[in-house]
Protein backbone atom coordinates (compact mmCIF):
# COMPACT_ATOMS: atom_id res chain seq x y z
CA UNK A 1 -11.36 -12.81 7.18
CA UNK A 2 -13.01 -9.93 9.01
CA UNK A 3 -11.92 -6.39 8.17
CA UNK A 4 -10.82 -3.94 10.87
CA UNK A 5 -9.69 -0.56 9.50
CA UNK A 6 -6.50 0.62 11.18
CA UNK A 7 -4.02 3.46 11.08
CA UNK A 8 -0.46 2.46 11.89
CA UNK A 9 3.09 3.72 12.20
CA UNK A 10 6.12 1.62 11.33
CA UNK A 11 9.70 2.49 12.29
CA UNK A 12 13.11 1.33 11.12
CA UNK A 13 14.45 1.39 14.71
CA UNK A 14 14.09 3.39 17.94
CA UNK A 15 13.26 6.95 16.82
CA UNK A 16 14.31 5.99 13.30
CA UNK A 17 12.59 6.47 9.95
CA UNK A 18 8.78 6.51 10.29
CA UNK A 19 6.01 5.45 7.93
CA UNK A 20 2.29 6.09 8.49
CA UNK A 21 -0.25 3.92 6.72
CA UNK A 22 -3.84 2.71 6.68
CA UNK A 23 -5.23 -0.77 6.05
CA UNK A 24 -8.25 -3.00 6.58
CA UNK A 25 -6.11 -5.91 7.80
CA UNK A 26 -3.28 -4.71 10.03
CA UNK A 27 -1.63 -8.03 10.85
CA UNK A 28 -1.41 -9.05 7.18
CA UNK A 29 -0.26 -5.62 6.03
CA UNK A 30 2.56 -5.52 8.56
CA UNK A 31 3.58 -9.03 7.42
CA UNK A 32 3.79 -7.68 3.89
CA UNK A 33 6.06 -4.84 5.05
CA UNK A 34 8.25 -7.24 7.06
CA UNK A 35 8.59 -9.66 4.14
CA UNK A 36 9.31 -6.91 1.64
CA UNK A 37 6.34 -7.88 -0.52
CA UNK A 38 5.15 -4.26 -0.61
CA UNK A 39 7.72 -2.47 -2.75
CA UNK A 40 8.36 1.17 -2.02
CA UNK A 41 9.39 3.34 0.89
CA UNK A 42 9.22 0.75 3.67
CA UNK A 43 11.24 -1.90 1.85
CA UNK A 44 13.75 0.67 0.58
CA UNK A 45 14.43 2.06 4.07
CA UNK A 46 13.89 -1.08 6.18
CA UNK A 47 10.85 0.31 7.97
CA UNK A 48 9.32 -2.87 9.40
CA UNK A 49 8.62 -2.45 13.14
CA UNK A 50 5.00 -1.77 14.10
CA UNK A 51 5.38 0.83 16.86
CA UNK A 52 1.88 2.39 17.01
CA UNK A 53 -1.62 1.65 15.74
CA UNK A 54 -5.29 2.25 16.36
CA UNK A 55 -8.38 0.66 14.87
CA UNK A 56 -11.40 2.60 13.57
CA UNK A 57 -15.05 1.68 13.06
CA UNK A 58 -15.04 2.51 9.34
CA UNK A 59 -12.36 2.97 6.70
CA UNK A 60 -13.26 6.61 6.06
CA UNK A 61 -12.39 7.43 9.69
CA UNK A 62 -9.09 5.56 9.38
CA UNK A 63 -8.17 7.41 6.17
CA UNK A 64 -9.03 10.76 7.76
CA UNK A 65 -6.86 9.92 10.78
CA UNK A 66 -3.96 8.77 8.56
CA UNK A 67 -4.02 12.09 6.68
CA UNK A 68 -4.13 13.99 9.97
CA UNK A 69 -1.10 12.13 11.36
CA UNK A 70 0.86 12.46 8.11
CA UNK A 71 0.46 16.24 8.37
CA UNK A 72 1.91 16.32 11.89
CA UNK A 73 5.44 17.26 12.83
CA UNK A 74 7.76 14.33 13.50
CA UNK A 75 8.04 15.28 17.19
CA UNK A 76 4.25 14.94 17.60
CA UNK A 77 4.32 11.45 16.06
CA UNK A 78 7.17 10.41 18.37
CA UNK A 79 5.25 11.76 21.38
CA UNK A 80 2.16 9.77 20.39
CA UNK A 81 4.19 6.58 19.84
CA UNK A 82 5.90 6.91 23.21
CA UNK A 83 2.60 7.39 25.04
CA UNK A 84 1.45 3.93 23.86
CA UNK A 85 4.82 2.25 23.35
CA UNK A 86 7.65 3.97 25.30
CA UNK A 87 10.15 1.19 24.54
CA UNK A 88 9.40 1.18 20.79
CA UNK A 89 8.67 -2.57 20.88
CA UNK A 90 7.46 -4.25 17.71
CA UNK A 91 3.73 -4.63 18.39
CA UNK A 92 2.97 -6.91 15.45
CA UNK A 93 2.36 -10.04 17.53
CA UNK A 94 0.35 -8.08 20.12
CA UNK A 95 -2.27 -6.55 17.82
CA UNK A 96 -5.55 -6.21 19.71
CA UNK A 97 -8.46 -4.76 17.75
CA UNK A 98 -10.75 -4.26 20.72
CA UNK A 99 -8.13 -2.56 22.90
CA UNK A 100 -7.31 0.00 20.22
CA UNK A 101 -10.73 0.66 18.69
CA UNK A 102 -11.40 4.41 18.51
CA UNK A 103 -14.82 5.84 17.68
CA UNK A 104 -13.85 9.36 16.69
CA UNK A 105 -10.80 11.42 15.83
CA UNK A 106 -9.24 12.91 18.95
CA UNK A 107 -8.88 16.68 18.91
CA UNK A 108 -5.27 16.36 20.13
CA UNK A 109 -3.61 17.83 17.04
CA UNK A 110 -5.01 18.87 13.70
């Protein structure tokens, strides 16, 4: 299986509890969250809907972006989610590596 580093945000519902994570296999990782096989925050709070994600060229970039987003205010995260996914649909079955591949960290917020 090919690895595609990704940063992602899960939600419990529309504008509900948010979780930001990083992985090298987004589809599988979200399956783990949905099935409750990853104990911790997401299983405790029912945070299972993939509402935002972007892929990176290398894992170091994805980790840097995850840390950046985790430091943001909640309102900034919601704004970013709604730019890509205004209806807060679960994007798990629509994951597209090529459509979301980012080469560098945007200077939007730091």
